[in-house]
Amino acid sequence: MTTTWTVYLSGEIHSDWRERIADGVKAAGLPVELVSPVTVHEDSDDCGVAVFGAESDKFWHDRKGAQLNAIRTKTLLKSADIAVIRFGEKYKQWNAAFDAGYAAALDIPYITLHPTEHDHALKEVDGAAHGVAREPEQVVEALAYVILGEMPTNRASKKSAPGAVAAE
């Protein structure tokens, strides 16, 4: 019996990291359903006023959108088996940090995905994470290991994280 794992993809929406994970999951034949927040920036920002009416004050405009988006986020994150939290190079993803804390509070394991220059700023978020990836392909390899027990096929060429000790 194959269980389908639900993986929530949170964070940065300005690069192709979600597509790279989706392509890798498909290529590996992993029993995974990928879910995420709405990734069209304008829709995410404007959904509240589109549904509940315009606001003259930007604070309330944003608040309506945040509250509506929170319904999707809470529902999908609560039902996830694993979350991947992406912090990109250019923008500060405060919502991603919130999602990481929410996942930790719900005891949902998560993997962070970010460049090394964010290591210091994310030390607490990474400290609670079950893995820290630099590239989306590492996330796919982690999923393959967790779900199928399969080691990456090209282990010898992999660079380990700083401070990692190789097994003898």
C-alpha atoms as a PDB file:
ATOM      1  CA  MET A   1       0.000   0.000   0.000  1.00  0.00           C
ATOM      2  CA  THR A   2       1.416   3.350  -1.036  1.00  0.00           C
ATOM      3  CA  THR A   3       0.663   6.363   1.087  1.00  0.00           C
ATOM      4  CA  THR A   4       0.499   9.717  -0.649  1.00  0.00           C
ATOM      5  CA  TRP A   5       2.412  12.326   1.310  1.00  0.00           C
ATOM      6  CA  THR A   6       1.205  15.923   1.348  1.00  0.00           C
ATOM      7  CA  VAL A   7       4.013  18.459   1.164  1.00  0.00           C
ATOM      8  CA  TYR A   8       3.232  22.119   1.799  1.00  0.00           C
ATOM      9  CA  LEU A   9       5.489  24.509  -0.129  1.00  0.00           C
ATOM     10  CA  SER A  10       5.695  27.846   1.681  1.00  0.00           C
ATOM     11  CA  GLY A  11       7.572  31.027   0.939  1.00  0.00           C
ATOM     12  CA  GLU A  12       9.149  32.985  -1.840  1.00  0.00           C
ATOM     13  CA  ILE A  13       7.084  33.262  -5.028  1.00  0.00           C
ATOM     14  CA  HIS A  14       9.500  34.981  -7.422  1.00  0.00           C
ATOM     15  CA  SER A  15      11.577  32.018  -8.624  1.00  0.00           C
ATOM     16  CA  ASP A  16      11.053  28.521 -10.029  1.00  0.00           C
ATOM     17  CA  TRP A  17      11.829  26.529  -6.868  1.00  0.00           C
ATOM     18  CA  ARG A  18       8.329  25.032  -6.659  1.00  0.00           C
ATOM     19  CA  GLU A  19       8.485  23.895 -10.280  1.00  0.00           C
ATOM     20  CA  ARG A  20      11.927  22.350  -9.713  1.00  0.00           C
ATOM     21  CA  ILE A  21      10.586  20.374  -6.746  1.00  0.00           C
ATOM     22  CA  ALA A  22       7.486  19.331  -8.713  1.00  0.00           C
ATOM     23  CA  ASP A  23       9.626  18.190 -11.645  1.00  0.00           C
ATOM     24  CA  GLY A  24      11.942  16.258  -9.322  1.00  0.00           C
ATOM     25  CA  VAL A  25       9.071  14.594  -7.467  1.00  0.00           C
ATOM     26  CA  LYS A  26       7.521  13.540 -10.769  1.00  0.00           C
ATOM     27  CA  ALA A  27      10.827  12.270 -12.191  1.00  0.00           C
ATOM     28  CA  ALA A  28      11.470  10.266  -9.018  1.00  0.00           C
ATOM     29  CA  GLY A  29       7.936   8.847  -9.052  1.00  0.00           C
ATOM     30  CA  LEU A  30       7.357   9.894  -5.462  1.00  0.00           C
ATOM     31  CA  PRO A  31       3.846   9.498  -4.007  1.00  0.00           C
ATOM     32  CA  VAL A  32       3.594  13.193  -3.169  1.00  0.00           C
ATOM     33  CA  GLU A  33       0.887  15.816  -3.447  1.00  0.00           C
ATOM     34  CA  LEU A  34       2.347  19.317  -3.462  1.00  0.00           C
ATOM     35  CA  VAL A  35       0.203  22.120  -2.060  1.00  0.00           C
ATOM     36  CA  SER A  36       0.949  25.785  -1.518  1.00  0.00           C
ATOM     37  CA  PRO A  37      -0.498  29.202  -0.885  1.00  0.00           C
ATOM     38  CA  VAL A  38      -1.726  31.240  -3.841  1.00  0.00           C
ATOM     39  CA  THR A  39       1.470  32.150  -5.691  1.00  0.00           C
ATOM     40  CA  VAL A  40       0.155  34.945  -7.909  1.00  0.00           C
ATOM     41  CA  HIS A  41       1.363  37.934  -5.917  1.00  0.00           C
ATOM     42  CA  GLU A  42      -1.376  40.330  -7.027  1.00  0.00           C
ATOM     43  CA  ASP A  43      -4.127  37.795  -6.304  1.00  0.00           C
ATOM     44  CA  SER A  44      -2.717  37.089  -2.856  1.00  0.00           C
ATOM     45  CA  ASP A  45      -2.551  40.811  -2.088  1.00  0.00           C
ATOM     46  CA  ASP A  46      -5.960  41.726  -3.498  1.00  0.00           C
ATOM     47  CA  CYS A  47      -8.143  38.692  -2.706  1.00  0.00           C
ATOM     48  CA  GLY A  48      -9.669  40.204   0.421  1.00  0.00           C
ATOM     49  CA  VAL A  49     -10.905  43.366  -1.222  1.00  0.00           C
ATOM     50  CA  ALA A  50     -12.001  41.445  -4.325  1.00  0.00           C
ATOM     51  CA  VAL A  51     -14.237  39.274  -2.134  1.00  0.00           C
ATOM     52  CA  PHE A  52     -15.231  41.552   0.758  1.00  0.00           C
ATOM     53  CA  GLY A  53     -15.043  45.030  -0.794  1.00  0.00           C
ATOM     54  CA  ALA A  54     -12.599  47.866  -1.281  1.00  0.00           C
ATOM     55  CA  GLU A  55     -10.721  49.628   1.504  1.00  0.00           C
ATOM     56  CA  SER A  56      -9.401  53.184   1.375  1.00  0.00           C
ATOM     57  CA  ASP A  57      -6.721  52.393   3.969  1.00  0.00           C
ATOM     58  CA  LYS A  58      -3.910  50.103   2.730  1.00  0.00           C
ATOM     59  CA  PHE A  59      -3.629  48.530   6.192  1.00  0.00           C
ATOM     60  CA  TRP A  60      -7.184  47.179   5.984  1.00  0.00           C
ATOM     61  CA  HIS A  61      -6.729  46.222   2.327  1.00  0.00           C
ATOM     62  CA  ASP A  62      -3.741  44.081   3.312  1.00  0.00           C
ATOM     63  CA  ARG A  63      -5.460  42.793   6.441  1.00  0.00           C
ATOM     64  CA  LYS A  64      -8.443  41.479   4.465  1.00  0.00           C
ATOM     65  CA  GLY A  65      -6.105  39.649   2.095  1.00  0.00           C
ATOM     66  CA  ALA A  66      -3.980  38.247   4.905  1.00  0.00           C
ATOM     67  CA  GLN A  67      -7.016  36.919   6.745  1.00  0.00           C
ATOM     68  CA  LEU A  68      -8.439  35.252   3.649  1.00  0.00           C
ATOM     69  CA  ASN A  69      -5.058  33.779   2.727  1.00  0.00           C
ATOM     70  CA  ALA A  70      -4.693  32.496   6.297  1.00  0.00           C
ATOM     71  CA  ILE A  71      -7.682  30.199   5.791  1.00  0.00           C
ATOM     72  CA  ARG A  72      -5.861  28.425   2.960  1.00  0.00           C
ATOM     73  CA  THR A  73      -2.526  28.414   4.762  1.00  0.00           C
ATOM     74  CA  LYS A  74      -3.887  27.044   8.036  1.00  0.00           C
ATOM     75  CA  THR A  75      -5.978  24.386   6.331  1.00  0.00           C
ATOM     76  CA  LEU A  76      -3.245  23.132   4.007  1.00  0.00           C
ATOM     77  CA  LEU A  77      -0.451  23.330   6.555  1.00  0.00           C
ATOM     78  CA  LYS A  78      -2.456  21.456   9.198  1.00  0.00           C
ATOM     79  CA  SER A  79      -3.059  18.615   6.736  1.00  0.00           C
ATOM     80  CA  ALA A  80       0.555  18.457   5.514  1.00  0.00           C
ATOM     81  CA  ASP A  81       2.922  15.621   6.356  1.00  0.00           C
ATOM     82  CA  ILE A  82       5.975  17.794   5.662  1.00  0.00           C
ATOM     83  CA  ALA A  83       6.468  21.486   4.928  1.00  0.00           C
ATOM     84  CA  VAL A  84       9.199  23.110   2.872  1.00  0.00           C
ATOM     85  CA  ILE A  85       9.856  26.716   3.834  1.00  0.00           C
ATOM     86  CA  ARG A  86      11.667  28.772   1.180  1.00  0.00           C
ATOM     87  CA  PHE A  87      13.481  32.008   1.938  1.00  0.00           C
ATOM     88  CA  GLY A  88      14.669  33.632  -1.287  1.00  0.00           C
ATOM     89  CA  GLU A  89      17.567  35.898  -2.049  1.00  0.00           C
ATOM     90  CA  LYS A  90      15.803  39.178  -2.771  1.00  0.00           C
ATOM     91  CA  TYR A  91      12.716  39.566  -0.588  1.00  0.00           C
ATOM     92  CA  LYS A  92      12.093  39.117   3.112  1.00  0.00           C
ATOM     93  CA  GLN A  93       9.471  36.400   3.493  1.00  0.00           C
ATOM     94  CA  TRP A  94       7.931  37.192   6.865  1.00  0.00           C
ATOM     95  CA  ASN A  95       4.999  34.939   5.998  1.00  0.00           C
ATOM     96  CA  ALA A  96       7.410  32.042   5.491  1.00  0.00           C
ATOM     97  CA  ALA A  97       8.917  32.608   8.929  1.00  0.00           C
ATOM     98  CA  PHE A  98       5.402  32.584  10.366  1.00  0.00           C
ATOM     99  CA  ASP A  99       4.630  29.340   8.508  1.00  0.00           C
ATOM    100  CA  ALA A 100       7.791  27.745   9.905  1.00  0.00           C
ATOM    101  CA  GLY A 101       6.769  28.680  13.442  1.00  0.00           C
ATOM    102  CA  TYR A 102       3.240  27.458  12.831  1.00  0.00           C
ATOM    103  CA  ALA A 103       4.534  24.138  11.480  1.00  0.00           C
ATOM    104  CA  ALA A 104       6.809  23.770  14.500  1.00  0.00           C
ATOM    105  CA  ALA A 105       3.907  24.508  16.863  1.00  0.00           C
ATOM    106  CA  LEU A 106       1.799  21.869  15.088  1.00  0.00           C
ATOM    107  CA  ASP A 107       4.719  19.389  15.228  1.00  0.00           C
ATOM    108  CA  ILE A 108       4.825  19.187  11.425  1.00  0.00           C
ATOM    109  CA  PRO A 109       8.369  18.469  10.284  1.00  0.00           C
ATOM    110  CA  TYR A 110       9.804  21.050   7.934  1.00  0.00           C
ATOM    111  CA  ILE A 111      12.823  21.621   5.752  1.00  0.00           C
ATOM    112  CA  THR A 112      14.093  25.123   5.152  1.00  0.00           C
ATOM    113  CA  LEU A 113      15.397  26.085   1.721  1.00  0.00           C
ATOM    114  CA  HIS A 114      17.605  29.157   1.498  1.00  0.00           C
ATOM    115  CA  PRO A 115      21.012  30.479   0.462  1.00  0.00           C
ATOM    116  CA  THR A 116      23.894  30.509   2.933  1.00  0.00           C
ATOM    117  CA  GLU A 117      23.743  34.289   3.349  1.00  0.00           C
ATOM    118  CA  HIS A 118      20.523  33.818   5.353  1.00  0.00           C
ATOM    119  CA  ASP A 119      22.051  31.315   7.794  1.00  0.00           C
ATOM    120  CA  HIS A 120      22.577  33.781  10.640  1.00  0.00           C
ATOM    121  CA  ALA A 121      19.201  35.499  10.288  1.00  0.00           C
ATOM    122  CA  LEU A 122      17.425  32.125  10.183  1.00  0.00           C
ATOM    123  CA  LYS A 123      19.402  30.336  12.896  1.00  0.00           C
ATOM    124  CA  GLU A 124      16.357  29.797  15.130  1.00  0.00           C
ATOM    125  CA  VAL A 125      14.111  28.779  12.225  1.00  0.00           C
ATOM    126  CA  ASP A 126      16.805  26.387  10.982  1.00  0.00           C
ATOM    127  CA  GLY A 127      17.364  25.133  14.516  1.00  0.00           C
ATOM    128  CA  ALA A 128      13.800  23.821  14.646  1.00  0.00           C
ATOM    129  CA  ALA A 129      13.910  22.496  11.065  1.00  0.00           C
ATOM    130  CA  HIS A 130      14.454  18.835  10.275  1.00  0.00           C
ATOM    131  CA  GLY A 131      16.761  19.761   7.413  1.00  0.00           C
ATOM    132  CA  VAL A 132      18.323  22.768   5.724  1.00  0.00           C
ATOM    133  CA  ALA A 133      18.547  22.621   1.931  1.00  0.00           C
ATOM    134  CA  ARG A 134      20.311  24.995  -0.424  1.00  0.00           C
ATOM    135  CA  GLU A 135      18.740  23.784  -3.675  1.00  0.00           C
ATOM    136  CA  PRO A 136      15.284  22.424  -4.519  1.00  0.00           C
ATOM    137  CA  GLU A 137      16.863  19.201  -5.760  1.00  0.00           C
ATOM    138  CA  GLN A 138      18.106  18.512  -2.225  1.00  0.00           C
ATOM    139  CA  VAL A 139      14.506  18.749  -1.041  1.00  0.00           C
ATOM    140  CA  VAL A 140      13.520  16.103  -3.601  1.00  0.00           C
ATOM    141  CA  GLU A 141      16.372  13.858  -2.413  1.00  0.00           C
ATOM    142  CA  ALA A 142      15.253  14.340   1.198  1.00  0.00           C
ATOM    143  CA  LEU A 143      11.680  13.421   0.261  1.00  0.00           C
ATOM    144  CA  ALA A 144      12.892  10.310  -1.604  1.00  0.00           C
ATOM    145  CA  TYR A 145      14.866   9.243   1.453  1.00  0.00           C
ATOM    146  CA  VAL A 146      12.074   9.912   3.958  1.00  0.00           C
ATOM    147  CA  ILE A 147       9.304   8.374   1.857  1.00  0.00           C
ATOM    148  CA  LEU A 148      11.079   5.493   0.104  1.00  0.00           C
ATOM    149  CA  GLY A 149      14.266   5.075   2.112  1.00  0.00           C
ATOM    150  CA  GLU A 150      16.320   5.765  -1.019  1.00  0.00           C
ATOM    151  CA  MET A 151      19.731   7.358  -0.783  1.00  0.00           C
ATOM    152  CA  PRO A 152      20.691   9.931  -3.430  1.00  0.00           C
ATOM    153  CA  THR A 153      22.152   8.156  -6.456  1.00  0.00           C
ATOM    154  CA  ASN A 154      25.151  10.445  -6.803  1.00  0.00           C
ATOM    155  CA  ARG A 155      26.306  10.629  -3.172  1.00  0.00           C
ATOM    156  CA  ALA A 156      30.030  10.879  -3.889  1.00  0.00           C
ATOM    157  CA  SER A 157      29.635  14.194  -5.686  1.00  0.00           C
ATOM    158  CA  LYS A 158      27.406  15.759  -3.033  1.00  0.00           C
ATOM    159  CA  LYS A 159      28.874  18.487  -0.905  1.00  0.00           C
ATOM    160  CA  SER A 160      27.839  18.210   2.719  1.00  0.00           C
ATOM    161  CA  ALA A 161      26.787  21.150   4.814  1.00  0.00           C
ATOM    162  CA  PRO A 162      29.540  22.997   6.697  1.00  0.00           C
ATOM    163  CA  GLY A 163      30.368  21.216   9.926  1.00  0.00           C
ATOM    164  CA  ALA A 164      28.972  17.876   8.743  1.00  0.00           C
ATOM    165  CA  VAL A 165      30.988  14.796   9.540  1.00  0.00           C
ATOM    166  CA  ALA A 166      31.154  12.078   6.897  1.00  0.00           C
ATOM    167  CA  ALA A 167      30.480   8.506   7.991  1.00  0.00           C
ATOM    168  CA  GLU A 168      33.415   6.100   7.711  1.00  0.00           C
END
